[in-house]
Amino acid sequence: MQIFSSLQQTINHLIPLLSPHHIVLLRGDLASGKTTLIQNLAQKINLSFPVTSPTFGIQNIYSSSSLTLFHYDLYRKSLAECLELGLLDMLDTQGWHFVEWGDETLEGILKESGFAMIIVTIVKNGTNRTYRISQ
């Protein structure tokens, strides 16, 4: 496990860990910075699309010539319903998959299914954040 106190340090450490097909589960309280992390990562890799949270849908997709970034928001969504709608099939698509609110239940399902994943936990303390990366 790696711990960082800077968003940029976190992104700089995270990017080399990602294979062409990888899942990142993002955990943290409301307004902890999960979408902000994805927005800054997209800028770092020169993805020219504005990244917004798919709060009212389930998924946003951002593609460049070399990479597809999938952004999921499972807040207030039933994991069972998401699985019925084909979440595992979506996660099996080549690209980087960032899942906000990826809980321990989803983590267990992904492990059983053989997916490579990284967990980023963001802890908000006032205006400061701590980022914990584990594989």
N, C-alpha and C. Protein backbone atom coordinates (compact mmCIF):
# COMPACT_ATOMS: atom_id res chain seq x y z
N MET A 1 0.85 -1.17 0.00
CA MET A 1 0.00 0.00 0.00
C MET A 1 0.90 1.24 0.00
N GLN A 2 0.52 2.20 -0.82
CA GLN A 2 1.22 3.48 -0.91
C GLN A 2 0.27 4.58 -0.44
N ILE A 3 0.81 5.55 0.30
CA ILE A 3 -0.01 6.67 0.81
C ILE A 3 0.61 7.97 0.31
N PHE A 4 -0.26 8.86 -0.20
CA PHE A 4 0.18 10.14 -0.74
C PHE A 4 -0.69 11.26 -0.16
N SER A 5 -0.10 12.44 -0.07
CA SER A 5 -0.86 13.59 0.43
C SER A 5 -1.13 14.60 -0.69
N SER A 6 -0.72 14.28 -1.89
CA SER A 6 -0.91 15.17 -3.03
C SER A 6 -1.62 14.43 -4.15
N LEU A 7 -2.57 15.10 -4.78
CA LEU A 7 -3.29 14.52 -5.91
C LEU A 7 -2.33 14.20 -7.04
N GLN A 8 -1.43 15.12 -7.36
CA GLN A 8 -0.49 14.89 -8.47
C GLN A 8 0.47 13.74 -8.19
N GLN A 9 0.94 13.62 -6.95
CA GLN A 9 1.79 12.48 -6.59
C GLN A 9 1.03 11.17 -6.79
N THR A 10 -0.23 11.18 -6.40
CA THR A 10 -1.07 9.99 -6.53
C THR A 10 -1.22 9.60 -7.99
N ILE A 11 -1.53 10.58 -8.83
CA ILE A 11 -1.70 10.31 -10.27
C ILE A 11 -0.39 9.84 -10.89
N ASN A 12 0.71 10.50 -10.54
CA ASN A 12 2.02 10.11 -11.08
C ASN A 12 2.39 8.68 -10.68
N HIS A 13 1.97 8.25 -9.51
CA HIS A 13 2.24 6.88 -9.06
C HIS A 13 1.26 5.89 -9.70
N LEU A 14 0.03 6.31 -9.88
CA LEU A 14 -1.03 5.43 -10.37
C LEU A 14 -0.87 5.07 -11.85
N ILE A 15 -0.57 6.04 -12.68
CA ILE A 15 -0.54 5.81 -14.13
C ILE A 15 0.39 4.66 -14.53
N PRO A 16 1.62 4.59 -14.03
CA PRO A 16 2.47 3.46 -14.44
C PRO A 16 1.98 2.09 -13.96
N LEU A 17 1.09 2.07 -12.97
CA LEU A 17 0.56 0.80 -12.48
C LEU A 17 -0.53 0.23 -13.38
N LEU A 18 -1.09 1.08 -14.25
CA LEU A 18 -2.24 0.68 -15.06
C LEU A 18 -1.81 -0.02 -16.34
N SER A 19 -2.33 -1.23 -16.52
CA SER A 19 -2.12 -1.95 -17.77
C SER A 19 -3.13 -1.43 -18.78
N PRO A 20 -3.06 -1.85 -20.05
CA PRO A 20 -4.04 -1.38 -21.03
C PRO A 20 -5.49 -1.72 -20.66
N HIS A 21 -5.68 -2.72 -19.81
CA HIS A 21 -7.03 -3.05 -19.31
C HIS A 21 -6.94 -3.18 -17.80
N HIS A 22 -7.47 -2.18 -17.11
CA HIS A 22 -7.35 -2.17 -15.65
C HIS A 22 -8.58 -1.54 -15.04
N ILE A 23 -8.92 -1.98 -13.84
CA ILE A 23 -10.04 -1.44 -13.09
C ILE A 23 -9.50 -0.75 -11.84
N VAL A 24 -9.99 0.46 -11.58
CA VAL A 24 -9.62 1.20 -10.39
C VAL A 24 -10.90 1.47 -9.61
N LEU A 25 -10.98 0.91 -8.41
CA LEU A 25 -12.11 1.18 -7.53
C LEU A 25 -11.77 2.41 -6.69
N LEU A 26 -12.65 3.40 -6.73
CA LEU A 26 -12.43 4.64 -6.00
C LEU A 26 -13.36 4.69 -4.80
N ARG A 27 -12.77 4.88 -3.63
CA ARG A 27 -13.55 4.92 -2.40
C ARG A 27 -13.28 6.21 -1.66
N GLY A 28 -14.30 6.73 -1.03
CA GLY A 28 -14.18 7.94 -0.24
C GLY A 28 -15.56 8.53 -0.02
N ASP A 29 -15.66 9.38 0.97
CA ASP A 29 -16.93 10.03 1.28
C ASP A 29 -17.37 10.94 0.15
N LEU A 30 -18.61 11.41 0.23
CA LEU A 30 -19.09 12.43 -0.71
C LEU A 30 -18.13 13.61 -0.70
N ALA A 31 -17.86 14.14 -1.88
CA ALA A 31 -17.00 15.32 -2.05
C ALA A 31 -15.56 15.11 -1.59
N SER A 32 -15.12 13.84 -1.58
CA SER A 32 -13.73 13.59 -1.18
C SER A 32 -12.76 13.83 -2.33
N GLY A 33 -13.27 13.80 -3.57
CA GLY A 33 -12.40 14.08 -4.71
C GLY A 33 -12.23 12.94 -5.70
N LYS A 34 -13.17 12.01 -5.73
CA LYS A 34 -13.07 10.87 -6.65
C LYS A 34 -13.12 11.33 -8.11
N THR A 35 -14.11 12.15 -8.44
CA THR A 35 -14.20 12.66 -9.82
C THR A 35 -13.04 13.60 -10.12
N THR A 36 -12.62 14.38 -9.16
CA THR A 36 -11.48 15.29 -9.35
C THR A 36 -10.22 14.50 -9.70
N LEU A 37 -10.03 13.36 -9.06
CA LEU A 37 -8.88 12.51 -9.38
C LEU A 37 -8.94 12.09 -10.85
N ILE A 38 -10.10 11.64 -11.31
CA ILE A 38 -10.24 11.20 -12.70
C ILE A 38 -10.04 12.38 -13.66
N GLN A 39 -10.58 13.55 -13.32
CA GLN A 39 -10.41 14.73 -14.17
C GLN A 39 -8.94 15.08 -14.32
N ASN A 40 -8.19 15.07 -13.22
CA ASN A 40 -6.77 15.41 -13.27
C ASN A 40 -5.96 14.33 -13.98
N LEU A 41 -6.33 13.09 -13.81
CA LEU A 41 -5.65 12.01 -14.52
C LEU A 41 -5.88 12.16 -16.02
N ALA A 42 -7.11 12.47 -16.43
CA ALA A 42 -7.42 12.65 -17.85
C ALA A 42 -6.59 13.79 -18.44
N GLN A 43 -6.43 14.87 -17.70
CA GLN A 43 -5.59 15.98 -18.17
C GLN A 43 -4.14 15.53 -18.30
N LYS A 44 -3.66 14.75 -17.35
CA LYS A 44 -2.27 14.30 -17.34
C LYS A 44 -1.96 13.44 -18.57
N ILE A 45 -2.94 12.65 -19.03
CA ILE A 45 -2.70 11.79 -20.19
C ILE A 45 -3.19 12.45 -21.48
N ASN A 46 -3.48 13.75 -21.40
CA ASN A 46 -3.89 14.56 -22.56
C ASN A 46 -5.18 14.09 -23.21
N LEU A 47 -6.11 13.65 -22.40
CA LEU A 47 -7.43 13.32 -22.89
C LEU A 47 -8.20 14.63 -23.00
N SER A 48 -8.65 14.96 -24.17
CA SER A 48 -9.15 16.31 -24.42
C SER A 48 -10.65 16.48 -24.18
N PHE A 49 -11.27 15.55 -23.48
CA PHE A 49 -12.69 15.64 -23.20
C PHE A 49 -12.91 16.12 -21.77
N PRO A 50 -13.94 16.94 -21.54
CA PRO A 50 -14.24 17.32 -20.16
C PRO A 50 -14.83 16.12 -19.40
N VAL A 51 -14.23 15.77 -18.30
CA VAL A 51 -14.68 14.62 -17.52
C VAL A 51 -15.69 15.10 -16.49
N THR A 52 -16.86 14.49 -16.52
CA THR A 52 -17.91 14.79 -15.55
C THR A 52 -18.39 13.49 -14.92
N SER A 53 -18.98 13.59 -13.76
CA SER A 53 -19.45 12.41 -13.07
C SER A 53 -20.72 11.88 -13.72
N PRO A 54 -20.80 10.58 -13.94
CA PRO A 54 -22.02 9.99 -14.50
C PRO A 54 -23.06 9.71 -13.41
N THR A 55 -23.29 10.69 -12.55
CA THR A 55 -24.16 10.52 -11.38
C THR A 55 -25.54 10.00 -11.74
N PHE A 56 -26.13 10.50 -12.81
CA PHE A 56 -27.50 10.11 -13.14
C PHE A 56 -27.56 8.97 -14.14
N GLY A 57 -26.44 8.60 -14.70
CA GLY A 57 -26.35 7.42 -15.55
C GLY A 57 -25.56 6.40 -14.77
N ILE A 58 -24.86 5.55 -15.47
CA ILE A 58 -23.98 4.61 -14.80
C ILE A 58 -22.56 4.75 -15.33
N GLN A 59 -22.41 5.27 -16.57
CA GLN A 59 -21.09 5.24 -17.20
C GLN A 59 -20.92 6.40 -18.17
N ASN A 60 -19.74 7.00 -18.14
CA ASN A 60 -19.29 7.91 -19.19
C ASN A 60 -18.06 7.27 -19.83
N ILE A 61 -17.91 7.47 -21.14
CA ILE A 61 -16.78 6.90 -21.86
C ILE A 61 -16.03 8.03 -22.56
N TYR A 62 -14.70 8.03 -22.39
CA TYR A 62 -13.84 9.02 -23.03
C TYR A 62 -12.79 8.26 -23.81
N SER A 63 -12.70 8.51 -25.11
CA SER A 63 -11.76 7.77 -25.95
C SER A 63 -10.79 8.70 -26.66
N SER A 64 -9.57 8.23 -26.78
CA SER A 64 -8.57 8.89 -27.62
C SER A 64 -8.09 7.82 -28.60
N SER A 65 -7.11 8.15 -29.40
CA SER A 65 -6.61 7.18 -30.37
C SER A 65 -5.89 6.01 -29.69
N SER A 66 -5.41 6.22 -28.47
CA SER A 66 -4.62 5.18 -27.81
C SER A 66 -5.26 4.59 -26.56
N LEU A 67 -6.35 5.18 -26.07
CA LEU A 67 -6.89 4.73 -24.79
C LEU A 67 -8.37 5.04 -24.68
N THR A 68 -9.09 4.15 -24.02
CA THR A 68 -10.47 4.43 -23.65
C THR A 68 -10.55 4.44 -22.13
N LEU A 69 -11.11 5.52 -21.60
CA LEU A 69 -11.29 5.67 -20.16
C LEU A 69 -12.79 5.58 -19.87
N PHE A 70 -13.14 4.62 -19.03
CA PHE A 70 -14.53 4.42 -18.62
C PHE A 70 -14.67 4.96 -17.20
N HIS A 71 -15.73 5.69 -16.95
CA HIS A 71 -15.97 6.30 -15.65
C HIS A 71 -17.36 5.90 -15.18
N TYR A 72 -17.42 5.17 -14.07
CA TYR A 72 -18.68 4.68 -13.53
C TYR A 72 -18.94 5.37 -12.19
N ASP A 73 -20.19 5.59 -11.88
CA ASP A 73 -20.58 6.12 -10.58
C ASP A 73 -21.70 5.24 -10.05
N LEU A 74 -21.39 4.46 -9.01
CA LEU A 74 -22.36 3.52 -8.48
C LEU A 74 -23.08 4.04 -7.24
N TYR A 75 -22.92 5.34 -6.95
CA TYR A 75 -23.58 5.92 -5.79
C TYR A 75 -25.09 5.78 -5.91
N ARG A 76 -25.71 5.26 -4.87
CA ARG A 76 -27.16 5.07 -4.82
C ARG A 76 -27.68 4.13 -5.90
N LYS A 77 -26.81 3.25 -6.38
CA LYS A 77 -27.24 2.28 -7.37
C LYS A 77 -27.09 0.89 -6.77
N SER A 78 -28.01 0.04 -7.05
CA SER A 78 -27.96 -1.34 -6.56
C SER A 78 -26.91 -2.11 -7.36
N LEU A 79 -25.97 -2.72 -6.65
CA LEU A 79 -24.95 -3.51 -7.34
C LEU A 79 -25.60 -4.67 -8.10
N ALA A 80 -26.60 -5.28 -7.52
CA ALA A 80 -27.30 -6.38 -8.21
C ALA A 80 -27.89 -5.90 -9.53
N GLU A 81 -28.50 -4.72 -9.52
CA GLU A 81 -29.08 -4.17 -10.74
C GLU A 81 -28.00 -3.85 -11.77
N CYS A 82 -26.88 -3.28 -11.31
CA CYS A 82 -25.78 -2.98 -12.22
C CYS A 82 -25.23 -4.25 -12.85
N LEU A 83 -25.13 -5.31 -12.06
CA LEU A 83 -24.65 -6.58 -12.60
C LEU A 83 -25.63 -7.15 -13.62
N GLU A 84 -26.94 -7.00 -13.34
CA GLU A 84 -27.95 -7.46 -14.29
C GLU A 84 -27.89 -6.66 -15.59
N LEU A 85 -27.51 -5.40 -15.50
CA LEU A 85 -27.41 -4.54 -16.69
C LEU A 85 -26.11 -4.78 -17.47
N GLY A 86 -25.25 -5.68 -16.98
CA GLY A 86 -24.05 -6.04 -17.72
C GLY A 86 -22.78 -5.36 -17.26
N LEU A 87 -22.70 -4.96 -16.00
CA LEU A 87 -21.50 -4.27 -15.50
C LEU A 87 -20.24 -5.09 -15.73
N LEU A 88 -20.29 -6.39 -15.46
CA LEU A 88 -19.08 -7.21 -15.66
C LEU A 88 -18.66 -7.24 -17.12
N ASP A 89 -19.62 -7.28 -18.03
CA ASP A 89 -19.29 -7.23 -19.45
C ASP A 89 -18.65 -5.89 -19.81
N MET A 90 -19.19 -4.81 -19.25
CA MET A 90 -18.61 -3.48 -19.50
C MET A 90 -17.18 -3.42 -18.99
N LEU A 91 -16.97 -3.96 -17.79
CA LEU A 91 -15.64 -3.94 -17.19
C LEU A 91 -14.65 -4.84 -17.91
N ASP A 92 -15.16 -5.75 -18.73
CA ASP A 92 -14.30 -6.65 -19.50
C ASP A 92 -13.80 -6.01 -20.80
N THR A 93 -14.29 -4.82 -21.12
CA THR A 93 -13.88 -4.09 -22.31
C THR A 93 -12.49 -3.50 -22.09
N GLN A 94 -11.64 -3.55 -23.10
CA GLN A 94 -10.29 -3.00 -23.03
C GLN A 94 -10.33 -1.52 -22.67
N GLY A 95 -9.55 -1.12 -21.70
CA GLY A 95 -9.46 0.29 -21.31
C GLY A 95 -9.23 0.43 -19.82
N TRP A 96 -9.21 1.66 -19.38
CA TRP A 96 -9.09 1.97 -17.96
C TRP A 96 -10.48 2.22 -17.42
N HIS A 97 -10.85 1.51 -16.39
CA HIS A 97 -12.18 1.60 -15.79
C HIS A 97 -12.06 2.18 -14.38
N PHE A 98 -12.62 3.35 -14.16
CA PHE A 98 -12.63 3.99 -12.85
C PHE A 98 -14.04 3.90 -12.29
N VAL A 99 -14.18 3.23 -11.15
CA VAL A 99 -15.50 2.97 -10.57
C VAL A 99 -15.60 3.70 -9.24
N GLU A 100 -16.39 4.79 -9.23
CA GLU A 100 -16.65 5.48 -7.98
C GLU A 100 -17.62 4.65 -7.16
N TRP A 101 -17.37 4.58 -5.86
CA TRP A 101 -18.18 3.82 -4.92
C TRP A 101 -18.05 2.32 -5.16
N GLY A 102 -16.85 1.89 -5.58
CA GLY A 102 -16.58 0.47 -5.75
C GLY A 102 -16.31 -0.17 -4.40
N ASP A 103 -17.32 -0.81 -3.83
CA ASP A 103 -17.23 -1.31 -2.46
C ASP A 103 -16.59 -2.70 -2.39
N GLU A 104 -16.53 -3.24 -1.17
CA GLU A 104 -15.90 -4.54 -0.93
C GLU A 104 -16.65 -5.67 -1.63
N THR A 105 -17.96 -5.55 -1.76
CA THR A 105 -18.73 -6.59 -2.45
C THR A 105 -18.31 -6.66 -3.91
N LEU A 106 -18.25 -5.50 -4.56
CA LEU A 106 -17.80 -5.48 -5.96
C LEU A 106 -16.36 -5.97 -6.06
N GLU A 107 -15.52 -5.57 -5.13
CA GLU A 107 -14.13 -6.02 -5.13
C GLU A 107 -14.06 -7.55 -5.11
N GLY A 108 -14.86 -8.18 -4.25
CA GLY A 108 -14.87 -9.64 -4.17
C GLY A 108 -15.32 -10.28 -5.47
N ILE A 109 -16.36 -9.73 -6.08
CA ILE A 109 -16.85 -10.26 -7.36
C ILE A 109 -15.79 -10.13 -8.44
N LEU A 110 -15.10 -8.99 -8.47
CA LEU A 110 -14.07 -8.78 -9.48
C LEU A 110 -12.89 -9.73 -9.27
N LYS A 111 -12.50 -9.94 -8.01
CA LYS A 111 -11.41 -10.87 -7.72
C LYS A 111 -11.78 -12.28 -8.18
N GLU A 112 -13.00 -12.71 -7.85
CA GLU A 112 -13.46 -14.04 -8.26
C GLU A 112 -13.49 -14.18 -9.78
N SER A 113 -13.74 -13.08 -10.47
CA SER A 113 -13.82 -13.10 -11.94
C SER A 113 -12.46 -12.93 -12.60
N GLY A 114 -11.41 -12.71 -11.80
CA GLY A 114 -10.05 -12.63 -12.33
C GLY A 114 -9.63 -11.28 -12.87
N PHE A 115 -10.33 -10.22 -12.51
CA PHE A 115 -9.98 -8.89 -13.00
C PHE A 115 -8.79 -8.32 -12.23
N ALA A 116 -7.90 -7.61 -12.95
CA ALA A 116 -6.83 -6.85 -12.32
C ALA A 116 -7.43 -5.55 -11.80
N MET A 117 -7.12 -5.22 -10.55
CA MET A 117 -7.71 -3.99 -10.02
C MET A 117 -6.78 -3.32 -9.03
N ILE A 118 -7.01 -2.02 -8.91
CA ILE A 118 -6.32 -1.18 -7.93
C ILE A 118 -7.41 -0.48 -7.14
N ILE A 119 -7.17 -0.29 -5.86
CA ILE A 119 -8.13 0.42 -5.02
C ILE A 119 -7.49 1.72 -4.56
N VAL A 120 -8.19 2.83 -4.81
CA VAL A 120 -7.73 4.13 -4.33
C VAL A 120 -8.77 4.62 -3.32
N THR A 121 -8.31 4.82 -2.10
CA THR A 121 -9.17 5.33 -1.04
C THR A 121 -8.74 6.75 -0.74
N ILE A 122 -9.72 7.66 -0.77
CA ILE A 122 -9.45 9.08 -0.53
C ILE A 122 -10.08 9.45 0.81
N VAL A 123 -9.25 9.99 1.69
CA VAL A 123 -9.73 10.44 2.99
C VAL A 123 -9.62 11.95 3.04
N LYS A 124 -10.76 12.60 3.27
CA LYS A 124 -10.83 14.06 3.32
C LYS A 124 -10.70 14.51 4.78
N ASN A 125 -9.80 15.47 5.00
CA ASN A 125 -9.62 16.05 6.33
C ASN A 125 -9.56 17.56 6.14
N GLY A 126 -10.71 18.22 6.23
CA GLY A 126 -10.78 19.65 5.94
C GLY A 126 -10.53 19.87 4.46
N THR A 127 -9.53 20.69 4.14
CA THR A 127 -9.19 20.93 2.74
C THR A 127 -8.10 19.97 2.25
N ASN A 128 -7.59 19.14 3.14
CA ASN A 128 -6.53 18.20 2.77
C ASN A 128 -7.11 16.84 2.43
N ARG A 129 -6.36 16.10 1.61
CA ARG A 129 -6.74 14.75 1.23
C ARG A 129 -5.55 13.82 1.44
N THR A 130 -5.85 12.59 1.78
CA THR A 130 -4.87 11.53 1.81
C THR A 130 -5.34 10.46 0.83
N TYR A 131 -4.44 10.01 -0.02
CA TYR A 131 -4.74 9.03 -1.06
C TYR A 131 -3.99 7.73 -0.75
N ARG A 132 -4.74 6.64 -0.64
CA ARG A 132 -4.14 5.35 -0.34
C ARG A 132 -4.36 4.43 -1.54
N ILE A 133 -3.27 3.95 -2.13
CA ILE A 133 -3.34 3.05 -3.28
C ILE A 133 -2.95 1.65 -2.85
N SER A 134 -3.83 0.70 -3.12
CA SER A 134 -3.51 -0.70 -2.82
C SER A 134 -3.91 -1.57 -4.01
N GLN A 135 -3.18 -2.68 -4.14
CA GLN A 135 -3.44 -3.60 -5.27
C GLN A 135 -3.88 -4.94 -4.74
